[in-house]
């Protein structure tokens, strides 16, 4: 994901770091959503649907030098036939708040019923 923080989240962090507003942390576990059309810092991607696809919980390790990496593997089973080109990351609020987005290094094509996995450390984020 590199430094692909969504604009609204970047604004919240900037406001908090300058004392303009208090920062409200994401609610609940963060969820990794797979997308078949990449989004941007202002618009979500087109989320994968079908099969048994569901967003998976992702946790990140502590940041070092302005970056961090996933500390758990994310496994998707019984995927639909699709090509996954990127991810969006949401909190678990009743109205989920998107915080991060990014393209995969290489698209992943799955046939109906396939599994798709991301190893520990495969998902990264950076703010510098």
Foldseek 3Di string as FASTA:
>chain_A
DEAFWAPVLVVLVVCCVVVNDNHDDFPAFKWKFFAQAFDHSHGHGHTFDDFQDDTFGWDWDDDDPFKIWTQAKTKGFQGAFGKTFWIWMWGDPPPTDTTGIDTQPDIDGDHGGHMDMAHTRRDMYGND
